[in-house]
């Protein structure tokens, strides 16, 4: 029906816009993660020890194997991973819709991708 195809094209258009938004969000998170990394990649700087914290001795196994907290750059990396999963799922959904070989669905995916990149 005409209403069904219009609704399908709009859904694919919105999914394509969302795909582009997630792609840009992932790039922003990457920039923030790179800024959060310490300049020196030594073990002490990567775990960002808190001042005044009474913990095990400097070279002990428990400090090296199991940090008690996660540094800020780690959470940015977790966010990037989640954004990547959403981006892959959206990409496959849009690809599956395009593989229906419907010209209107294809044009909706192209228009959504264009609009999402423009925004």
N, C-alpha and C. Protein backbone atom coordinates (compact mmCIF):
# COMPACT_ATOMS: atom_id res chain seq x y z
N UNK A 1 0.84 -1.19 0.00
CA UNK A 1 0.00 0.00 0.00
C UNK A 1 0.89 1.25 0.00
N UNK A 2 0.39 2.34 -0.53
CA UNK A 2 1.19 3.58 -0.58
C UNK A 2 1.56 4.10 0.81
N UNK A 3 0.67 3.99 1.77
CA UNK A 3 0.98 4.47 3.12
C UNK A 3 2.08 3.62 3.75
N UNK A 4 2.06 2.34 3.50
CA UNK A 4 3.09 1.45 4.04
C UNK A 4 4.46 1.73 3.47
N UNK A 5 4.53 2.01 2.18
CA UNK A 5 5.83 2.29 1.57
C UNK A 5 6.35 3.64 2.03
N UNK A 6 5.46 4.61 2.20
CA UNK A 6 5.89 5.93 2.70
C UNK A 6 6.43 5.80 4.12
N UNK A 7 5.75 5.04 4.95
CA UNK A 7 6.21 4.82 6.31
C UNK A 7 7.55 4.08 6.32
N UNK A 8 7.70 3.10 5.46
CA UNK A 8 8.96 2.36 5.37
C UNK A 8 10.11 3.27 4.94
N UNK A 9 9.85 4.12 3.96
CA UNK A 9 10.90 5.04 3.49
C UNK A 9 11.28 6.01 4.60
N UNK A 10 10.29 6.50 5.35
CA UNK A 10 10.60 7.42 6.45
C UNK A 10 11.39 6.74 7.56
N UNK A 11 11.07 5.50 7.86
CA UNK A 11 11.82 4.77 8.90
C UNK A 11 13.25 4.55 8.45
N UNK A 12 13.46 4.17 7.21
CA UNK A 12 14.82 3.96 6.70
C UNK A 12 15.57 5.29 6.65
N UNK A 13 14.89 6.35 6.27
CA UNK A 13 15.51 7.67 6.26
C UNK A 13 15.98 8.05 7.67
N UNK A 14 15.14 7.84 8.67
CA UNK A 14 15.51 8.17 10.05
C UNK A 14 16.63 7.27 10.56
N UNK A 15 16.60 5.99 10.20
CA UNK A 15 17.69 5.09 10.60
C UNK A 15 19.02 5.51 9.97
N UNK A 16 18.97 5.98 8.74
CA UNK A 16 20.20 6.45 8.08
C UNK A 16 20.73 7.71 8.74
N UNK A 17 19.83 8.61 9.12
CA UNK A 17 20.24 9.82 9.84
C UNK A 17 20.85 9.44 11.18
N UNK A 18 20.23 8.51 11.88
CA UNK A 18 20.75 8.06 13.17
C UNK A 18 22.12 7.40 13.00
N UNK A 19 22.31 6.64 11.92
CA UNK A 19 23.60 6.03 11.65
C UNK A 19 24.70 7.09 11.54
N UNK A 20 24.41 8.15 10.79
CA UNK A 20 25.40 9.22 10.63
C UNK A 20 25.63 9.95 11.95
N UNK A 21 24.59 10.12 12.76
CA UNK A 21 24.75 10.78 14.06
C UNK A 21 25.63 9.95 14.99
N UNK A 22 25.43 8.65 14.98
CA UNK A 22 26.25 7.76 15.81
C UNK A 22 27.70 7.80 15.34
N UNK A 23 27.89 7.85 14.03
CA UNK A 23 29.25 7.93 13.48
C UNK A 23 29.95 9.20 13.96
N UNK A 24 29.25 10.30 13.97
CA UNK A 24 29.85 11.55 14.46
C UNK A 24 30.07 11.52 15.96
N UNK A 25 29.14 10.92 16.70
CA UNK A 25 29.30 10.79 18.14
C UNK A 25 30.52 9.95 18.49
N UNK A 26 30.77 8.93 17.71
CA UNK A 26 31.94 8.09 17.92
C UNK A 26 33.23 8.88 17.69
N UNK A 27 33.23 9.76 16.71
CA UNK A 27 34.41 10.59 16.44
C UNK A 27 34.65 11.58 17.57
N UNK A 28 33.58 12.14 18.12
CA UNK A 28 33.73 13.07 19.24
C UNK A 28 34.27 12.34 20.47
N UNK A 29 33.77 11.15 20.72
CA UNK A 29 34.26 10.38 21.86
C UNK A 29 35.72 10.00 21.68
N UNK A 30 36.13 9.70 20.45
CA UNK A 30 37.53 9.38 20.20
C UNK A 30 38.43 10.57 20.53
N UNK A 31 38.00 11.76 20.13
CA UNK A 31 38.79 12.96 20.43
C UNK A 31 38.90 13.17 21.93
N UNK A 32 37.80 12.98 22.65
CA UNK A 32 37.83 13.14 24.11
C UNK A 32 38.70 12.07 24.77
N UNK A 33 38.65 10.86 24.25
CA UNK A 33 39.47 9.78 24.81
C UNK A 33 40.95 10.07 24.60
N UNK A 34 41.29 10.59 23.44
CA UNK A 34 42.70 10.90 23.19
C UNK A 34 43.18 12.05 24.08
N UNK A 35 42.30 13.01 24.36
CA UNK A 35 42.68 14.10 25.25
C UNK A 35 42.78 13.62 26.69
N UNK A 36 42.05 12.57 27.05
CA UNK A 36 42.07 12.07 28.43
C UNK A 36 43.27 11.17 28.69
N UNK A 37 43.91 10.67 27.64
CA UNK A 37 45.08 9.83 27.84
C UNK A 37 46.23 10.65 28.42
N UNK A 38 46.97 10.09 29.35
CA UNK A 38 48.13 10.82 29.87
C UNK A 38 49.22 10.89 28.80
N UNK A 39 50.07 11.90 28.92
CA UNK A 39 51.15 12.06 27.93
C UNK A 39 52.15 10.91 28.02
N UNK A 40 52.38 10.42 29.22
CA UNK A 40 53.28 9.30 29.42
C UNK A 40 52.45 8.05 29.64
N UNK A 41 52.77 6.99 28.95
CA UNK A 41 51.97 5.77 29.05
C UNK A 41 52.56 4.77 30.04
N UNK A 42 53.12 5.27 31.11
CA UNK A 42 53.63 4.36 32.13
C UNK A 42 52.47 3.79 32.93
N UNK A 43 52.70 2.69 33.63
CA UNK A 43 51.63 2.03 34.39
C UNK A 43 51.06 2.96 35.45
N UNK A 44 51.90 3.78 36.08
CA UNK A 44 51.41 4.67 37.13
C UNK A 44 50.46 5.72 36.56
N UNK A 45 50.76 6.25 35.38
CA UNK A 45 49.91 7.27 34.79
C UNK A 45 48.62 6.68 34.22
N UNK A 46 48.68 5.47 33.71
CA UNK A 46 47.47 4.87 33.13
C UNK A 46 46.44 4.54 34.21
N UNK A 47 46.89 4.15 35.40
CA UNK A 47 45.93 3.82 36.44
C UNK A 47 45.54 5.03 37.27
N UNK A 48 46.20 6.18 37.04
CA UNK A 48 45.90 7.42 37.73
C UNK A 48 45.72 7.22 39.23
N UNK A 49 46.77 6.94 39.98
CA UNK A 49 46.62 6.71 41.41
C UNK A 49 46.12 7.96 42.11
N UNK A 50 45.27 7.77 43.08
CA UNK A 50 44.72 8.89 43.83
C UNK A 50 45.72 9.30 44.89
N UNK A 51 45.79 10.60 45.11
CA UNK A 51 46.73 11.10 46.09
C UNK A 51 46.26 10.75 47.49
N UNK A 52 47.19 10.29 48.32
CA UNK A 52 46.87 9.98 49.70
C UNK A 52 46.19 8.64 49.87
N UNK A 53 46.02 7.88 48.79
CA UNK A 53 45.37 6.57 48.92
C UNK A 53 46.36 5.59 49.52
N UNK A 54 45.93 4.86 50.52
CA UNK A 54 46.81 3.86 51.12
C UNK A 54 46.53 2.54 50.43
N UNK A 55 47.46 2.13 49.59
CA UNK A 55 47.27 0.90 48.83
C UNK A 55 48.47 0.02 49.00
N UNK A 56 48.55 -1.05 48.24
CA UNK A 56 49.69 -1.95 48.30
C UNK A 56 50.97 -1.25 47.84
N UNK A 57 52.08 -1.91 48.08
CA UNK A 57 53.37 -1.35 47.69
C UNK A 57 53.42 -1.13 46.19
N UNK A 58 54.37 -0.31 45.76
CA UNK A 58 54.41 0.16 44.37
C UNK A 58 54.50 -0.97 43.36
N UNK A 59 55.25 -2.01 43.56
CA UNK A 59 55.40 -3.03 42.54
C UNK A 59 54.64 -4.30 42.83
N UNK A 60 53.65 -4.26 43.69
CA UNK A 60 52.98 -5.49 44.09
C UNK A 60 52.07 -6.01 42.97
N UNK A 61 51.79 -7.28 43.02
CA UNK A 61 51.01 -7.94 41.98
C UNK A 61 49.56 -7.48 41.99
N UNK A 62 49.00 -7.26 43.17
CA UNK A 62 47.58 -6.91 43.22
C UNK A 62 47.32 -5.54 42.61
N UNK A 63 48.25 -4.60 42.71
CA UNK A 63 48.06 -3.30 42.10
C UNK A 63 48.14 -3.40 40.58
N UNK A 64 49.03 -4.23 40.09
CA UNK A 64 49.20 -4.35 38.65
C UNK A 64 48.07 -5.14 38.00
N UNK A 65 47.53 -6.12 38.67
CA UNK A 65 46.55 -7.01 38.06
C UNK A 65 45.12 -6.50 38.19
N UNK A 66 44.77 -5.93 39.31
CA UNK A 66 43.38 -5.54 39.56
C UNK A 66 43.32 -4.11 40.09
N UNK A 67 43.22 -3.11 39.21
CA UNK A 67 43.07 -1.75 39.73
C UNK A 67 41.73 -1.60 40.42
N UNK A 68 41.68 -0.77 41.43
CA UNK A 68 40.45 -0.62 42.21
C UNK A 68 39.46 0.31 41.53
N UNK A 69 39.87 1.04 40.54
CA UNK A 69 38.96 1.91 39.81
C UNK A 69 39.41 1.96 38.36
N UNK A 70 38.57 2.50 37.51
CA UNK A 70 38.92 2.61 36.11
C UNK A 70 39.17 4.07 35.79
N UNK A 71 40.23 4.38 35.06
CA UNK A 71 40.52 5.76 34.72
C UNK A 71 39.52 6.30 33.70
N UNK A 72 39.56 7.60 33.53
CA UNK A 72 38.60 8.28 32.67
C UNK A 72 38.69 7.81 31.22
N UNK A 73 39.91 7.60 30.71
CA UNK A 73 40.05 7.18 29.32
C UNK A 73 39.41 5.82 29.09
N UNK A 74 39.36 4.96 30.11
CA UNK A 74 38.74 3.64 29.96
C UNK A 74 37.24 3.79 29.71
N UNK A 75 36.59 4.71 30.41
CA UNK A 75 35.15 4.90 30.23
C UNK A 75 34.85 5.48 28.85
N UNK A 76 35.75 6.33 28.35
CA UNK A 76 35.58 6.82 26.97
C UNK A 76 35.68 5.66 25.98
N UNK A 77 36.58 4.73 26.26
CA UNK A 77 36.73 3.57 25.38
C UNK A 77 35.48 2.67 25.44
N UNK A 78 34.90 2.51 26.62
CA UNK A 78 33.66 1.75 26.74
C UNK A 78 32.55 2.43 25.94
N UNK A 79 32.48 3.75 26.03
CA UNK A 79 31.48 4.50 25.26
C UNK A 79 31.68 4.33 23.76
N UNK A 80 32.94 4.37 23.32
CA UNK A 80 33.23 4.17 21.91
C UNK A 80 32.81 2.77 21.46
N UNK A 81 33.02 1.79 22.31
CA UNK A 81 32.63 0.42 21.96
C UNK A 81 31.13 0.31 21.80
N UNK A 82 30.38 0.92 22.72
CA UNK A 82 28.92 0.88 22.62
C UNK A 82 28.43 1.61 21.37
N UNK A 83 29.04 2.77 21.08
CA UNK A 83 28.68 3.49 19.87
C UNK A 83 28.98 2.64 18.63
N UNK A 84 30.09 1.91 18.65
CA UNK A 84 30.45 1.07 17.51
C UNK A 84 29.42 -0.05 17.30
N UNK A 85 28.98 -0.66 18.39
CA UNK A 85 27.98 -1.73 18.27
C UNK A 85 26.69 -1.18 17.68
N UNK A 86 26.24 -0.02 18.16
CA UNK A 86 25.02 0.59 17.63
C UNK A 86 25.20 0.94 16.16
N UNK A 87 26.38 1.45 15.80
CA UNK A 87 26.64 1.82 14.40
C UNK A 87 26.61 0.59 13.50
N UNK A 88 27.19 -0.50 13.93
CA UNK A 88 27.20 -1.72 13.12
C UNK A 88 25.79 -2.27 12.95
N UNK A 89 25.02 -2.30 14.03
CA UNK A 89 23.64 -2.81 13.95
C UNK A 89 22.81 -1.94 13.01
N UNK A 90 22.91 -0.62 13.16
CA UNK A 90 22.15 0.27 12.27
C UNK A 90 22.58 0.10 10.82
N UNK A 91 23.87 -0.05 10.59
CA UNK A 91 24.36 -0.24 9.23
C UNK A 91 23.81 -1.50 8.59
N UNK A 92 23.79 -2.58 9.37
CA UNK A 92 23.26 -3.83 8.82
C UNK A 92 21.75 -3.76 8.59
N UNK A 93 21.02 -3.06 9.44
CA UNK A 93 19.57 -2.92 9.25
C UNK A 93 19.29 -2.13 7.98
N UNK A 94 20.01 -1.03 7.79
CA UNK A 94 19.82 -0.23 6.57
C UNK A 94 20.23 -1.03 5.34
N UNK A 95 21.33 -1.77 5.43
CA UNK A 95 21.77 -2.59 4.31
C UNK A 95 20.72 -3.66 3.97
N UNK A 96 20.15 -4.26 5.00
CA UNK A 96 19.13 -5.28 4.77
C UNK A 96 17.91 -4.68 4.08
N UNK A 97 17.54 -3.46 4.48
CA UNK A 97 16.40 -2.80 3.84
C UNK A 97 16.71 -2.48 2.38
N UNK A 98 17.93 -2.01 2.12
CA UNK A 98 18.32 -1.68 0.75
C UNK A 98 18.34 -2.95 -0.11
N UNK A 99 18.71 -4.07 0.49
CA UNK A 99 18.78 -5.32 -0.27
C UNK A 99 17.39 -5.87 -0.61
N UNK A 100 16.34 -5.18 -0.22
CA UNK A 100 15.00 -5.56 -0.67
C UNK A 100 14.79 -5.18 -2.13
N UNK A 101 15.75 -4.44 -2.71
CA UNK A 101 15.73 -4.02 -4.11
C UNK A 101 14.51 -3.17 -4.44
N UNK A 102 14.10 -2.38 -3.48
CA UNK A 102 13.03 -1.42 -3.69
C UNK A 102 13.68 -0.06 -3.91
N UNK A 103 13.38 0.58 -5.03
CA UNK A 103 14.02 1.86 -5.37
C UNK A 103 13.68 2.95 -4.35
N UNK A 104 12.46 2.96 -3.83
CA UNK A 104 12.08 3.99 -2.86
C UNK A 104 12.84 3.82 -1.54
N UNK A 105 13.00 2.58 -1.11
CA UNK A 105 13.77 2.32 0.11
C UNK A 105 15.22 2.75 -0.10
N UNK A 106 15.76 2.43 -1.27
CA UNK A 106 17.13 2.83 -1.59
C UNK A 106 17.28 4.35 -1.56
N UNK A 107 16.34 5.06 -2.18
CA UNK A 107 16.39 6.52 -2.18
C UNK A 107 16.23 7.09 -0.77
N UNK A 108 15.41 6.44 0.06
CA UNK A 108 15.26 6.87 1.45
C UNK A 108 16.56 6.71 2.23
N UNK A 109 17.28 5.61 1.98
CA UNK A 109 18.57 5.38 2.66
C UNK A 109 19.59 6.42 2.21
N UNK A 110 19.62 6.72 0.92
CA UNK A 110 20.56 7.72 0.40
C UNK A 110 20.22 9.11 0.94
N UNK A 111 18.93 9.46 0.92
CA UNK A 111 18.52 10.77 1.43
C UNK A 111 18.81 10.89 2.93
N UNK A 112 18.57 9.83 3.69
CA UNK A 112 18.85 9.87 5.12
C UNK A 112 20.33 9.99 5.41
N UNK A 113 21.14 9.29 4.65
CA UNK A 113 22.59 9.39 4.83
C UNK A 113 23.08 10.79 4.49
N UNK A 114 22.55 11.35 3.43
CA UNK A 114 22.93 12.72 3.04
C UNK A 114 22.50 13.73 4.08
N UNK A 115 21.26 13.61 4.53
CA UNK A 115 20.75 14.53 5.54
C UNK A 115 21.50 14.38 6.86
N UNK A 116 21.79 13.17 7.26
CA UNK A 116 22.53 12.94 8.49
C UNK A 116 23.94 13.50 8.44
N UNK A 117 24.61 13.37 7.30
CA UNK A 117 25.95 13.92 7.16
C UNK A 117 25.91 15.44 7.15
N UNK A 118 24.89 16.01 6.52
CA UNK A 118 24.76 17.46 6.45
C UNK A 118 24.53 18.07 7.82
N UNK A 119 23.75 17.35 8.66
CA UNK A 119 23.44 17.90 9.98
C UNK A 119 24.67 17.78 10.85
